[in-house]
PDB file of N, CA and C in Angstrom:
ATOM      1  N   UNK A   1      -9.242  13.293   4.348  1.00  0.00           N
ATOM      2  CA  UNK A   1      -8.119  13.390   3.589  1.00  0.00           C
ATOM      3  C   UNK A   1      -7.891  12.383   2.486  1.00  0.00           C
ATOM      4  N   UNK A   2      -7.362  12.544   1.319  1.00  0.00           N
ATOM      5  CA  UNK A   2      -6.875  11.289   0.419  1.00  0.00           C
ATOM      6  C   UNK A   2      -5.492  11.101   0.711  1.00  0.00           C
ATOM      7  N   UNK A   3      -5.105   9.757   0.337  1.00  0.00           N
ATOM      8  CA  UNK A   3      -3.673   9.438   0.308  1.00  0.00           C
ATOM      9  C   UNK A   3      -3.396   8.482  -0.636  1.00  0.00           C
ATOM     10  N   UNK A   4      -2.191   8.637  -1.248  1.00  0.00           N
ATOM     11  CA  UNK A   4      -1.661   7.360  -1.785  1.00  0.00           C
ATOM     12  C   UNK A   4      -0.535   6.788  -1.228  1.00  0.00           C
ATOM     13  N   UNK A   5      -0.005   5.741  -1.072  1.00  0.00           N
ATOM     14  CA  UNK A   5       1.123   5.298  -0.715  1.00  0.00           C
ATOM     15  C   UNK A   5       1.267   3.570  -0.590  1.00  0.00           C
ATOM     16  N   UNK A   6       1.965   3.331   0.416  1.00  0.00           N
ATOM     17  CA  UNK A   6       2.294   1.753   0.589  1.00  0.00           C
ATOM     18  C   UNK A   6       1.870   1.088   1.831  1.00  0.00           C
ATOM     19  N   UNK A   7       1.801  -0.350   1.661  1.00  0.00           N
ATOM     20  CA  UNK A   7       1.369  -0.873   2.891  1.00  0.00           C
ATOM     21  C   UNK A   7       1.886  -2.444   2.911  1.00  0.00           C
ATOM     22  N   UNK A   8       2.051  -2.965   4.138  1.00  0.00           N
ATOM     23  CA  UNK A   8       2.414  -4.159   4.407  1.00  0.00           C
ATOM     24  C   UNK A   8       1.449  -4.850   5.382  1.00  0.00           C
ATOM     25  N   UNK A   9       1.256  -6.066   5.143  1.00  0.00           N
ATOM     26  CA  UNK A   9       0.242  -6.810   6.287  1.00  0.00           C
ATOM     27  C   UNK A   9       1.186  -7.856   6.945  1.00  0.00           C
ATOM     28  N   UNK A  10       1.550  -7.338   8.227  1.00  0.00           N
ATOM     29  CA  UNK A  10       2.457  -7.882   8.941  1.00  0.00           C
ATOM     30  C   UNK A  10       2.045  -9.130   9.837  1.00  0.00           C
ATOM     31  N   UNK A  11       0.828  -9.459   9.895  1.00  0.00           N
ATOM     32  CA  UNK A  11       0.156 -10.519  10.606  1.00  0.00           C
ATOM     33  C   UNK A  11      -1.120 -11.033   9.803  1.00  0.00           C
ATOM     34  N   UNK A  12      -1.551 -12.079  10.034  1.00  0.00           N
ATOM     35  CA  UNK A  12      -2.817 -12.469   9.331  1.00  0.00           C
ATOM     36  C   UNK A  12      -4.006 -11.478   9.692  1.00  0.00           C
ATOM     37  N   UNK A  13      -3.956 -10.886  10.825  1.00  0.00           N
ATOM     38  CA  UNK A  13      -4.973  -9.699  11.195  1.00  0.00           C
ATOM     39  C   UNK A  13      -4.880  -8.418  10.385  1.00  0.00           C
ATOM     40  N   UNK A  14      -6.039  -8.204   9.454  1.00  0.00           N
ATOM     41  CA  UNK A  14      -5.852  -7.001   8.650  1.00  0.00           C
ATOM     42  C   UNK A  14      -5.685  -5.851   9.371  1.00  0.00           C
ATOM     43  N   UNK A  15      -6.058  -5.879  10.762  1.00  0.00           N
ATOM     44  CA  UNK A  15      -5.720  -4.683  11.466  1.00  0.00           C
ATOM     45  C   UNK A  15      -4.268  -4.427  11.666  1.00  0.00           C
ATOM     46  N   UNK A  16      -3.296  -5.245  11.328  1.00  0.00           N
ATOM     47  CA  UNK A  16      -2.047  -5.244  11.575  1.00  0.00           C
ATOM     48  C   UNK A  16      -1.165  -4.692  10.262  1.00  0.00           C
ATOM     49  N   UNK A  17      -1.964  -3.774   9.641  1.00  0.00           N
ATOM     50  CA  UNK A  17      -1.350  -3.234   8.414  1.00  0.00           C
ATOM     51  C   UNK A  17      -0.377  -2.119   8.764  1.00  0.00           C
ATOM     52  N   UNK A  18       0.757  -2.239   7.983  1.00  0.00           N
ATOM     53  CA  UNK A  18       1.693  -1.120   8.356  1.00  0.00           C
ATOM     54  C   UNK A  18       1.428  -0.097   6.978  1.00  0.00           C
ATOM     55  N   UNK A  19       1.079   0.950   7.262  1.00  0.00           N
ATOM     56  CA  UNK A  19       0.964   1.899   6.045  1.00  0.00           C
ATOM     57  C   UNK A  19       1.831   3.231   6.202  1.00  0.00           C
ATOM     58  N   UNK A  20       2.102   3.594   4.900  1.00  0.00           N
ATOM     59  CA  UNK A  20       2.944   4.599   4.682  1.00  0.00           C
ATOM     60  C   UNK A  20       2.018   5.645   3.585  1.00  0.00           C
ATOM     61  N   UNK A  21       1.595   6.553   4.105  1.00  0.00           N
ATOM     62  CA  UNK A  21       0.712   7.341   3.027  1.00  0.00           C
ATOM     63  C   UNK A  21       1.118   8.843   2.797  1.00  0.00           C
ATOM     64  N   UNK A  22       0.729   9.252   1.760  1.00  0.00           N
ATOM     65  CA  UNK A  22       1.157  10.595   1.309  1.00  0.00           C
ATOM     66  C   UNK A  22       0.058  11.515   0.876  1.00  0.00           C
ATOM     67  N   UNK A  23      -0.323  12.463   1.337  1.00  0.00           N
ATOM     68  CA  UNK A  23      -1.502  13.278   0.760  1.00  0.00           C
ATOM     69  C   UNK A  23      -1.496  13.616  -0.542  1.00  0.00           C
ATOM     70  N   UNK A  24      -2.571  13.276  -1.256  1.00  0.00           N
ATOM     71  CA  UNK A  24      -2.617  13.327  -2.595  1.00  0.00           C
ATOM     72  C   UNK A  24      -4.057  13.816  -3.305  1.00  0.00           C
ATOM     73  N   UNK A  25      -4.026  14.402  -4.518  1.00  0.00           N
ATOM     74  CA  UNK A  25      -5.365  14.620  -5.005  1.00  0.00           C
ATOM     75  C   UNK A  25      -5.835  13.304  -5.756  1.00  0.00           C
ATOM     76  N   UNK A  26      -7.016  13.418  -6.251  1.00  0.00           N
ATOM     77  CA  UNK A  26      -7.759  12.113  -6.876  1.00  0.00           C
ATOM     78  C   UNK A  26      -7.005  11.748  -8.030  1.00  0.00           C
ATOM     79  N   UNK A  27      -5.969  12.628  -8.556  1.00  0.00           N
ATOM     80  CA  UNK A  27      -5.320  12.323  -9.904  1.00  0.00           C
ATOM     81  C   UNK A  27      -3.744  11.547  -9.411  1.00  0.00           C
ATOM     82  N   UNK A  28      -3.691  11.510  -8.200  1.00  0.00           N
ATOM     83  CA  UNK A  28      -2.406  11.024  -7.527  1.00  0.00           C
ATOM     84  C   UNK A  28      -1.263  12.011  -7.594  1.00  0.00           C
ATOM     85  N   UNK A  29      -1.516  13.296  -7.669  1.00  0.00           N
ATOM     86  CA  UNK A  29      -0.589  14.201  -7.493  1.00  0.00           C
ATOM     87  C   UNK A  29      -0.224  14.654  -6.132  1.00  0.00           C
ATOM     88  N   UNK A  30       0.966  14.525  -5.669  1.00  0.00           N
ATOM     89  CA  UNK A  30       1.248  14.651  -4.325  1.00  0.00           C
ATOM     90  C   UNK A  30       1.286  16.096  -3.935  1.00  0.00           C
ATOM     91  N   UNK A  31       0.525  16.442  -2.721  1.00  0.00           N
ATOM     92  CA  UNK A  31       0.537  17.766  -2.197  1.00  0.00           C
ATOM     93  C   UNK A  31       1.923  18.142  -1.674  1.00  0.00           C
ATOM     94  N   UNK A  32       2.716  17.165  -1.405  1.00  0.00           N
ATOM     95  CA  UNK A  32       4.067  17.618  -0.714  1.00  0.00           C
ATOM     96  C   UNK A  32       5.053  17.559  -1.892  1.00  0.00           C
ATOM     97  N   UNK A  33       5.515  18.523  -2.398  1.00  0.00           N
ATOM     98  CA  UNK A  33       6.271  18.747  -3.675  1.00  0.00           C
ATOM     99  C   UNK A  33       7.856  18.378  -3.616  1.00  0.00           C
ATOM    100  N   UNK A  34       7.990  18.126  -2.293  1.00  0.00           N
ATOM    101  CA  UNK A  34       9.592  17.582  -1.853  1.00  0.00           C
ATOM    102  C   UNK A  34       9.472  16.165  -2.012  1.00  0.00           C
ATOM    103  N   UNK A  35       8.337  15.600  -2.205  1.00  0.00           N
ATOM    104  CA  UNK A  35       8.395  13.984  -2.459  1.00  0.00           C
ATOM    105  C   UNK A  35       8.098  13.750  -3.878  1.00  0.00           C
ATOM    106  N   UNK A  36       8.892  12.861  -4.421  1.00  0.00           N
ATOM    107  CA  UNK A  36       8.674  12.498  -5.861  1.00  0.00           C
ATOM    108  C   UNK A  36       8.115  10.938  -5.749  1.00  0.00           C
ATOM    109  N   UNK A  37       7.247  10.814  -6.633  1.00  0.00           N
ATOM    110  CA  UNK A  37       6.549   9.485  -6.725  1.00  0.00           C
ATOM    111  C   UNK A  37       7.241   8.541  -6.829  1.00  0.00           C
ATOM    112  N   UNK A  38       8.328   8.598  -7.762  1.00  0.00           N
ATOM    113  CA  UNK A  38       9.324   7.418  -7.911  1.00  0.00           C
ATOM    114  C   UNK A  38      10.144   7.051  -6.664  1.00  0.00           C
ATOM    115  N   UNK A  39      10.157   7.981  -5.569  1.00  0.00           N
ATOM    116  CA  UNK A  39      10.863   7.749  -4.442  1.00  0.00           C
ATOM    117  C   UNK A  39       9.883   6.743  -3.384  1.00  0.00           C
ATOM    118  N   UNK A  40       8.584   6.829  -3.824  1.00  0.00           N
ATOM    119  CA  UNK A  40       7.693   5.910  -2.929  1.00  0.00           C
ATOM    120  C   UNK A  40       7.689   4.550  -3.458  1.00  0.00           C
ATOM    121  N   UNK A  41       8.723   4.021  -2.675  1.00  0.00           N
ATOM    122  CA  UNK A  41       8.777   2.602  -3.171  1.00  0.00           C
ATOM    123  C   UNK A  41       9.023   1.597  -1.889  1.00  0.00           C
ATOM    124  N   UNK A  42       8.674   0.437  -1.829  1.00  0.00           N
ATOM    125  CA  UNK A  42       8.843  -0.398  -0.872  1.00  0.00           C
ATOM    126  C   UNK A  42       9.973  -0.453   0.007  1.00  0.00           C
ATOM    127  N   UNK A  43      11.124  -0.704  -0.818  1.00  0.00           N
ATOM    128  CA  UNK A  43      12.641  -1.003  -0.341  1.00  0.00           C
ATOM    129  C   UNK A  43      13.002   0.358   0.369  1.00  0.00           C
ATOM    130  N   UNK A  44      12.853   1.358  -0.241  1.00  0.00           N
ATOM    131  CA  UNK A  44      13.295   2.542   0.150  1.00  0.00           C
ATOM    132  C   UNK A  44      12.637   2.948   1.581  1.00  0.00           C
ATOM    133  N   UNK A  45      11.216   2.916   1.502  1.00  0.00           N
ATOM    134  CA  UNK A  45      10.385   3.274   2.606  1.00  0.00           C
ATOM    135  C   UNK A  45      10.758   2.465   3.934  1.00  0.00           C
ATOM    136  N   UNK A  46      10.845   1.247   3.550  1.00  0.00           N
ATOM    137  CA  UNK A  46      10.944   0.023   4.591  1.00  0.00           C
ATOM    138  C   UNK A  46      12.159   0.267   5.433  1.00  0.00           C
ATOM    139  N   UNK A  47      13.324   0.708   4.644  1.00  0.00           N
ATOM    140  CA  UNK A  47      14.729   1.083   5.266  1.00  0.00           C
ATOM    141  C   UNK A  47      14.326   2.300   6.346  1.00  0.00           C
ATOM    142  N   UNK A  48      13.445   3.107   6.317  1.00  0.00           N
ATOM    143  CA  UNK A  48      13.202   4.254   7.198  1.00  0.00           C
ATOM    144  C   UNK A  48      12.439   3.987   8.344  1.00  0.00           C
ATOM    145  N   UNK A  49      11.736   2.675   8.421  1.00  0.00           N
ATOM    146  CA  UNK A  49      10.999   2.321   9.449  1.00  0.00           C
ATOM    147  C   UNK A  49      11.770   1.685  10.532  1.00  0.00           C
ATOM    148  N   UNK A  50      11.259   2.032  11.755  1.00  0.00           N
ATOM    149  CA  UNK A  50      12.056   1.492  13.106  1.00  0.00           C
ATOM    150  C   UNK A  50      11.998  -0.052  13.089  1.00  0.00           C
ATOM    151  N   UNK A  51      12.917  -0.877  13.759  1.00  0.00           N
ATOM    152  CA  UNK A  51      13.051  -2.006  13.676  1.00  0.00           C
ATOM    153  C   UNK A  51      11.846  -2.634  14.631  1.00  0.00           C
ATOM    154  N   UNK A  52      11.088  -1.890  15.466  1.00  0.00           N
ATOM    155  CA  UNK A  52       9.984  -2.557  16.202  1.00  0.00           C
ATOM    156  C   UNK A  52       8.991  -2.639  15.334  1.00  0.00           C
ATOM    157  N   UNK A  53       8.910  -2.073  14.229  1.00  0.00           N
ATOM    158  CA  UNK A  53       7.869  -2.434  13.268  1.00  0.00           C
ATOM    159  C   UNK A  53       8.300  -3.469  12.149  1.00  0.00           C
ATOM    160  N   UNK A  54       9.729  -3.347  11.736  1.00  0.00           N
ATOM    161  CA  UNK A  54      10.042  -4.368  10.590  1.00  0.00           C
ATOM    162  C   UNK A  54      10.411  -5.797  11.212  1.00  0.00           C
ATOM    163  N   UNK A  55      10.686  -5.874  12.528  1.00  0.00           N
ATOM    164  CA  UNK A  55      11.080  -7.051  13.091  1.00  0.00           C
ATOM    165  C   UNK A  55      12.461  -7.468  12.719  1.00  0.00           C
ATOM    166  N   UNK A  56      13.201  -6.421  11.950  1.00  0.00           N
ATOM    167  CA  UNK A  56      14.661  -6.791  11.401  1.00  0.00           C
ATOM    168  C   UNK A  56      14.398  -7.546  10.280  1.00  0.00           C
ATOM    169  N   UNK A  57      13.169  -7.632   9.441  1.00  0.00           N
ATOM    170  CA  UNK A  57      13.090  -8.495   8.335  1.00  0.00           C
ATOM    171  C   UNK A  57      13.192  -7.462   7.061  1.00  0.00           C
ATOM    172  N   UNK A  58      13.638  -8.113   5.852  1.00  0.00           N
ATOM    173  CA  UNK A  58      13.804  -7.013   4.744  1.00  0.00           C
ATOM    174  C   UNK A  58      12.378  -6.722   4.062  1.00  0.00           C
ATOM    175  N   UNK A  59      12.404  -5.832   3.366  1.00  0.00           N
ATOM    176  CA  UNK A  59      11.080  -5.155   2.901  1.00  0.00           C
ATOM    177  C   UNK A  59      10.293  -6.087   2.255  1.00  0.00           C
ATOM    178  N   UNK A  60      10.769  -7.304   1.766  1.00  0.00           N
ATOM    179  CA  UNK A  60      10.082  -8.206   0.947  1.00  0.00           C
ATOM    180  C   UNK A  60       9.705  -9.343   1.776  1.00  0.00           C
ATOM    181  N   UNK A  61       9.811  -9.245   2.995  1.00  0.00           N
ATOM    182  CA  UNK A  61       9.541 -10.410   3.846  1.00  0.00           C
ATOM    183  C   UNK A  61       7.989 -10.470   3.867  1.00  0.00           C
ATOM    184  N   UNK A  62       7.169  -9.459   4.235  1.00  0.00           N
ATOM    185  CA  UNK A  62       5.646  -9.491   4.450  1.00  0.00           C
ATOM    186  C   UNK A  62       4.929  -9.150   3.165  1.00  0.00           C
ATOM    187  N   UNK A  63       3.737  -9.803   2.889  1.00  0.00           N
ATOM    188  CA  UNK A  63       2.982  -9.375   1.875  1.00  0.00           C
ATOM    189  C   UNK A  63       2.755  -7.921   1.722  1.00  0.00           C
ATOM    190  N   UNK A  64       2.809  -7.354   0.636  1.00  0.00           N
ATOM    191  CA  UNK A  64       2.647  -5.935   0.635  1.00  0.00           C
ATOM    192  C   UNK A  64       1.827  -5.300  -0.730  1.00  0.00           C
ATOM    193  N   UNK A  65       1.609  -4.121  -0.658  1.00  0.00           N
ATOM    194  CA  UNK A  65       0.842  -3.557  -1.683  1.00  0.00           C
ATOM    195  C   UNK A  65       1.103  -1.961  -1.717  1.00  0.00           C
ATOM    196  N   UNK A  66       0.396  -1.518  -2.666  1.00  0.00           N
ATOM    197  CA  UNK A  66       0.378   0.032  -2.905  1.00  0.00           C
ATOM    198  C   UNK A  66      -0.989   0.581  -3.366  1.00  0.00           C
ATOM    199  N   UNK A  67      -1.294   1.747  -3.251  1.00  0.00           N
ATOM    200  CA  UNK A  67      -2.314   2.461  -3.499  1.00  0.00           C
ATOM    201  C   UNK A  67      -2.029   3.626  -4.601  1.00  0.00           C
ATOM    202  N   UNK A  68      -2.412   3.523  -5.768  1.00  0.00           N
ATOM    203  CA  UNK A  68      -2.249   4.400  -6.919  1.00  0.00           C
ATOM    204  C   UNK A  68      -3.588   5.154  -7.101  1.00  0.00           C
ATOM    205  N   UNK A  69      -3.382   6.550  -7.630  1.00  0.00           N
ATOM    206  CA  UNK A  69      -4.680   7.212  -7.754  1.00  0.00           C
ATOM    207  C   UNK A  69      -4.392   7.651  -9.338  1.00  0.00           C
ATOM    208  N   UNK A  70      -5.664   7.665 -10.040  1.00  0.00           N
ATOM    209  CA  UNK A  70      -5.644   7.957 -11.485  1.00  0.00           C
ATOM    210  C   UNK A  70      -6.941   8.515 -11.678  1.00  0.00           C
ATOM    211  N   UNK A  71      -7.194   9.576 -12.285  1.00  0.00           N
ATOM    212  CA  UNK A  71      -8.295  10.052 -12.657  1.00  0.00           C
ATOM    213  C   UNK A  71      -9.521   9.782 -11.709  1.00  0.00           C
ATOM    214  N   UNK A  72      -9.312  10.048 -10.424  1.00  0.00           N
ATOM    215  CA  UNK A  72     -10.435   9.788  -9.642  1.00  0.00           C
ATOM    216  C   UNK A  72     -10.711   8.191  -9.373  1.00  0.00           C
ATOM    217  N   UNK A  73      -9.903   7.389  -9.744  1.00  0.00           N
ATOM    218  CA  UNK A  73     -10.011   5.923  -9.513  1.00  0.00           C
ATOM    219  C   UNK A  73      -8.699   5.524  -8.532  1.00  0.00           C
ATOM    220  N   UNK A  74      -9.152   4.764  -7.586  1.00  0.00           N
ATOM    221  CA  UNK A  74      -8.004   4.107  -6.866  1.00  0.00           C
ATOM    222  C   UNK A  74      -7.721   2.782  -7.240  1.00  0.00           C
ATOM    223  N   UNK A  75      -6.598   2.310  -7.467  1.00  0.00           N
ATOM    224  CA  UNK A  75      -6.133   0.916  -7.675  1.00  0.00           C
ATOM    225  C   UNK A  75      -5.386   0.415  -6.536  1.00  0.00           C
ATOM    226  N   UNK A  76      -5.578  -0.557  -5.870  1.00  0.00           N
ATOM    227  CA  UNK A  76      -4.851  -1.251  -4.957  1.00  0.00           C
ATOM    228  C   UNK A  76      -4.167  -2.446  -5.503  1.00  0.00           C
ATOM    229  N   UNK A  77      -2.908  -2.346  -5.464  1.00  0.00           N
ATOM    230  CA  UNK A  77      -1.990  -3.293  -6.084  1.00  0.00           C
ATOM    231  C   UNK A  77      -1.476  -4.112  -4.901  1.00  0.00           C
ATOM    232  N   UNK A  78      -1.520  -5.501  -5.045  1.00  0.00           N
ATOM    233  CA  UNK A  78      -1.056  -6.158  -3.773  1.00  0.00           C
ATOM    234  C   UNK A  78      -0.810  -7.644  -4.108  1.00  0.00           C
ATOM    235  N   UNK A  79      -0.192  -8.194  -3.259  1.00  0.00           N
ATOM    236  CA  UNK A  79       0.257  -9.550  -3.165  1.00  0.00           C
ATOM    237  C   UNK A  79      -0.910 -10.504  -3.109  1.00  0.00           C
ATOM    238  N   UNK A  80      -1.011 -11.490  -4.084  1.00  0.00           N
ATOM    239  CA  UNK A  80      -2.441 -12.422  -3.998  1.00  0.00           C
ATOM    240  C   UNK A  80      -2.467 -13.086  -2.687  1.00  0.00           C
ATOM    241  N   UNK A  81      -1.542 -12.999  -1.757  1.00  0.00           N
ATOM    242  CA  UNK A  81      -1.922 -13.680  -0.544  1.00  0.00           C
ATOM    243  C   UNK A  81      -2.803 -12.692   0.384  1.00  0.00           C
ATOM    244  N   UNK A  82      -2.941 -11.457   0.132  1.00  0.00           N
ATOM    245  CA  UNK A  82      -3.539 -10.601   0.974  1.00  0.00           C
ATOM    246  C   UNK A  82      -4.963  -9.982   0.064  1.00  0.00           C
ATOM    247  N   UNK A  83      -4.850 -10.324  -1.063  1.00  0.00           N
ATOM    248  CA  UNK A  83      -5.997  -9.719  -1.838  1.00  0.00           C
ATOM    249  C   UNK A  83      -7.432 -10.289  -1.515  1.00  0.00           C
ATOM    250  N   UNK A  84      -8.113  -9.535  -0.577  1.00  0.00           N
ATOM    251  CA  UNK A  84      -9.327  -9.985  -0.174  1.00  0.00           C
ATOM    252  C   UNK A  84     -10.171  -8.650   0.183  1.00  0.00           C
ATOM    253  N   UNK A  85     -11.292  -8.928   0.209  1.00  0.00           N
ATOM    254  CA  UNK A  85     -12.276  -7.750   0.495  1.00  0.00           C
ATOM    255  C   UNK A  85     -12.096  -7.154   1.677  1.00  0.00           C
ATOM    256  N   UNK A  86     -11.732  -7.878   2.858  1.00  0.00           N
ATOM    257  CA  UNK A  86     -11.340  -7.129   4.055  1.00  0.00           C
ATOM    258  C   UNK A  86     -10.131  -6.242   3.799  1.00  0.00           C
ATOM    259  N   UNK A  87      -9.106  -6.623   3.218  1.00  0.00           N
ATOM    260  CA  UNK A  87      -7.779  -5.718   2.851  1.00  0.00           C
ATOM    261  C   UNK A  87      -8.488  -4.561   2.090  1.00  0.00           C
ATOM    262  N   UNK A  88      -9.434  -4.919   1.064  1.00  0.00           N
ATOM    263  CA  UNK A  88      -9.911  -3.549   0.480  1.00  0.00           C
ATOM    264  C   UNK A  88     -10.537  -2.752   1.371  1.00  0.00           C
ATOM    265  N   UNK A  89     -11.306  -3.110   2.177  1.00  0.00           N
ATOM    266  CA  UNK A  89     -12.080  -2.185   3.047  1.00  0.00           C
ATOM    267  C   UNK A  89     -11.121  -1.558   4.130  1.00  0.00           C
ATOM    268  N   UNK A  90     -10.218  -2.291   4.639  1.00  0.00           N
ATOM    269  CA  UNK A  90      -9.100  -1.565   5.413  1.00  0.00           C
ATOM    270  C   UNK A  90      -8.332  -0.685   4.646  1.00  0.00           C
ATOM    271  N   UNK A  91      -7.926  -0.906   3.466  1.00  0.00           N
ATOM    272  CA  UNK A  91      -7.114   0.196   2.841  1.00  0.00           C
ATOM    273  C   UNK A  91      -8.030   1.364   2.431  1.00  0.00           C
ATOM    274  N   UNK A  92      -9.206   1.037   1.979  1.00  0.00           N
ATOM    275  CA  UNK A  92     -10.160   2.010   1.641  1.00  0.00           C
ATOM    276  C   UNK A  92     -10.186   2.883   2.674  1.00  0.00           C
ATOM    277  N   UNK A  93     -10.476   2.557   3.938  1.00  0.00           N
ATOM    278  CA  UNK A  93     -10.770   3.418   5.185  1.00  0.00           C
ATOM    279  C   UNK A  93      -9.525   4.089   5.482  1.00  0.00           C
ATOM    280  N   UNK A  94      -8.291   3.376   5.367  1.00  0.00           N
ATOM    281  CA  UNK A  94      -7.002   4.159   5.955  1.00  0.00           C
ATOM    282  C   UNK A  94      -6.533   5.231   5.030  1.00  0.00           C
ATOM    283  N   UNK A  95      -6.730   4.997   3.827  1.00  0.00           N
ATOM    284  CA  UNK A  95      -6.283   5.979   2.710  1.00  0.00           C
ATOM    285  C   UNK A  95      -7.150   6.969   2.136  1.00  0.00           C
ATOM    286  N   UNK A  96      -8.302   6.839   2.866  1.00  0.00           N
ATOM    287  CA  UNK A  96      -9.547   7.808   2.457  1.00  0.00           C
ATOM    288  C   UNK A  96     -10.101   7.685   1.041  1.00  0.00           C
ATOM    289  N   UNK A  97     -10.161   6.348   0.495  1.00  0.00           N
ATOM    290  CA  UNK A  97     -10.642   6.287  -0.907  1.00  0.00           C
ATOM    291  C   UNK A  97     -12.123   6.323  -1.090  1.00  0.00           C
ATOM    292  N   UNK A  98     -12.659   7.637  -0.620  1.00  0.00           N
ATOM    293  CA  UNK A  98     -14.138   7.705  -0.593  1.00  0.00           C
ATOM    294  C   UNK A  98     -14.566   8.906  -1.829  1.00  0.00           C
ATOM    295  N   UNK A  99     -15.873   8.628  -2.215  1.00  0.00           N
ATOM    296  CA  UNK A  99     -16.540   9.632  -2.809  1.00  0.00           C
ATOM    297  C   UNK A  99     -16.325  10.927  -2.377  1.00  0.00           C
ATOM    298  N   UNK A 100     -16.442  11.238  -1.041  1.00  0.00           N
ATOM    299  CA  UNK A 100     -16.208  12.545  -0.471  1.00  0.00           C
ATOM    300  C   UNK A 100     -14.714  13.186  -0.790  1.00  0.00           C
ATOM    301  N   UNK A 101     -13.722  12.215  -1.124  1.00  0.00           N
ATOM    302  CA  UNK A 101     -12.376  12.723  -1.552  1.00  0.00           C
ATOM    303  C   UNK A 101     -12.319  12.453  -2.974  1.00  0.00           C
ATOM    304  N   UNK A 102     -13.450  12.423  -3.831  1.00  0.00           N
ATOM    305  CA  UNK A 102     -13.270  12.401  -5.222  1.00  0.00           C
ATOM    306  C   UNK A 102     -12.955  11.175  -6.074  1.00  0.00           C
ATOM    307  N   UNK A 103     -13.178  10.126  -4.943  1.00  0.00           N
ATOM    308  CA  UNK A 103     -12.859   8.786  -5.752  1.00  0.00           C
ATOM    309  C   UNK A 103     -14.094   8.115  -6.136  1.00  0.00           C
ATOM    310  N   UNK A 104     -14.153   7.602  -7.259  1.00  0.00           N
ATOM    311  CA  UNK A 104     -15.383   7.123  -8.056  1.00  0.00           C
ATOM    312  C   UNK A 104     -15.368   5.544  -7.972  1.00  0.00           C
ATOM    313  N   UNK A 105     -14.229   4.963  -7.925  1.00  0.00           N
ATOM    314  CA  UNK A 105     -13.948   3.622  -7.922  1.00  0.00           C
ATOM    315  C   UNK A 105     -12.877   3.112  -7.359  1.00  0.00           C
ATOM    316  N   UNK A 106     -12.741   1.911  -6.607  1.00  0.00           N
ATOM    317  CA  UNK A 106     -11.694   1.430  -5.879  1.00  0.00           C
ATOM    318  C   UNK A 106     -11.478  -0.166  -6.442  1.00  0.00           C
ATOM    319  N   UNK A 107     -10.562  -0.237  -7.066  1.00  0.00           N
ATOM    320  CA  UNK A 107     -10.189  -1.840  -7.687  1.00  0.00           C
ATOM    321  C   UNK A 107      -8.989  -2.294  -6.786  1.00  0.00           C
ATOM    322  N   UNK A 108      -9.366  -3.561  -6.698  1.00  0.00           N
ATOM    323  CA  UNK A 108      -8.394  -4.417  -6.015  1.00  0.00           C
ATOM    324  C   UNK A 108      -7.625  -5.392  -7.017  1.00  0.00           C
ATOM    325  N   UNK A 109      -6.360  -5.241  -7.247  1.00  0.00           N
ATOM    326  CA  UNK A 109      -5.663  -6.166  -8.120  1.00  0.00           C
ATOM    327  C   UNK A 109      -4.628  -6.827  -7.569  1.00  0.00           C
ATOM    328  N   UNK A 110      -4.795  -8.292  -7.578  1.00  0.00           N
ATOM    329  CA  UNK A 110      -3.490  -9.193  -7.150  1.00  0.00           C
ATOM    330  C   UNK A 110      -2.549  -9.113  -8.134  1.00  0.00           C
ATOM    331  N   UNK A 111      -1.230  -8.829  -7.767  1.00  0.00           N
ATOM    332  CA  UNK A 111      -0.308  -8.918  -8.554  1.00  0.00           C
ATOM    333  C   UNK A 111       0.831 -10.047  -8.293  1.00  0.00           C
ATOM    334  N   UNK A 112       0.757 -11.166  -8.918  1.00  0.00           N
ATOM    335  CA  UNK A 112       1.364 -12.257  -8.545  1.00  0.00           C
ATOM    336  C   UNK A 112       2.638 -12.258  -9.205  1.00  0.00           C
ATOM    337  N   UNK A 113       3.331 -11.032  -9.691  1.00  0.00           N
ATOM    338  CA  UNK A 113       4.735 -11.127 -10.263  1.00  0.00           C
ATOM    339  C   UNK A 113       5.649 -10.926  -9.244  1.00  0.00           C
ATOM    340  N   UNK A 114       6.978 -11.171  -9.782  1.00  0.00           N
ATOM    341  CA  UNK A 114       8.065 -11.246  -8.963  1.00  0.00           C
ATOM    342  C   UNK A 114       8.116  -9.872  -7.957  1.00  0.00           C
ATOM    343  N   UNK A 115       7.539  -8.838  -8.480  1.00  0.00           N
ATOM    344  CA  UNK A 115       7.529  -7.497  -7.911  1.00  0.00           C
ATOM    345  C   UNK A 115       6.949  -7.597  -6.452  1.00  0.00           C
ATOM    346  N   UNK A 116       5.904  -8.382  -6.317  1.00  0.00           N
ATOM    347  CA  UNK A 116       5.248  -8.361  -4.983  1.00  0.00           C
ATOM    348  C   UNK A 116       5.453  -9.936  -4.302  1.00  0.00           C
ATOM    349  N   UNK A 117       6.561 -10.586  -4.581  1.00  0.00           N
ATOM    350  CA  UNK A 117       6.816 -11.732  -4.030  1.00  0.00           C
ATOM    351  C   UNK A 117       7.349 -11.498  -2.474  1.00  0.00           C
ATOM    352  N   UNK A 118       6.917 -12.487  -1.558  1.00  0.00           N
ATOM    353  CA  UNK A 118       7.337 -12.296  -0.008  1.00  0.00           C
ATOM    354  C   UNK A 118       7.974 -13.425   0.314  1.00  0.00           C
ATOM    355  N   UNK A 119       8.092 -13.612   1.650  1.00  0.00           N
ATOM    356  CA  UNK A 119       8.558 -14.777   2.421  1.00  0.00           C
ATOM    357  C   UNK A 119       7.623 -16.050   2.020  1.00  0.00           C
ATOM    358  N   UNK A 120       6.392 -15.775   1.772  1.00  0.00           N
ATOM    359  CA  UNK A 120       5.240 -16.950   1.436  1.00  0.00           C
ATOM    360  C   UNK A 120       5.716 -17.431   0.244  1.00  0.00           C
ATOM    361  N   UNK A 121       6.260 -16.872  -0.761  1.00  0.00           N
ATOM    362  CA  UNK A 121       6.638 -17.313  -2.145  1.00  0.00           C
ATOM    363  C   UNK A 121       7.909 -17.985  -2.082  1.00  0.00           C
ATOM    364  N   UNK A 122       8.704 -17.738  -1.160  1.00  0.00           N
ATOM    365  CA  UNK A 122      10.071 -18.223  -1.156  1.00  0.00           C
ATOM    366  C   UNK A 122      10.412 -19.114  -0.092  1.00  0.00           C
ATOM    367  N   UNK A 123       9.443 -19.439   0.668  1.00  0.00           N
ATOM    368  CA  UNK A 123       9.493 -20.436   1.707  1.00  0.00           C
ATOM    369  C   UNK A 123      10.329 -19.871   3.021  1.00  0.00           C
ATOM    370  N   UNK A 124      10.510 -18.842   3.283  1.00  0.00           N
ATOM    371  CA  UNK A 124      11.260 -18.282   4.351  1.00  0.00           C
ATOM    372  C   UNK A 124      10.639 -18.456   5.668  1.00  0.00           C
TER     373      UNK A 124
END
């Protein structure tokens, strides 16, 4: 199954990704029509997670990213701190970004804008 969604890397170990994913087609159209794409944002989703996951930290504490799907291509946007081939492999596996699911290309994009700043940027 193919998904779009969000993730946070809560420790240096890539295996410690917190992912929130939503079934989608290869064009990014969500299968659950009760969910609106604009509602899939880090701040809103983080607030729904249990404190055992968040550690009581705000949504922008950990490096984070998102998976977008467009015309059979997957784009992984993320903080430059976690923009590695290991992350790409882990996200590709967890979100089903494969040819079997209609994905022809997976691109990893480091986003150093204020949008993806985390505690590593602010020195917290």
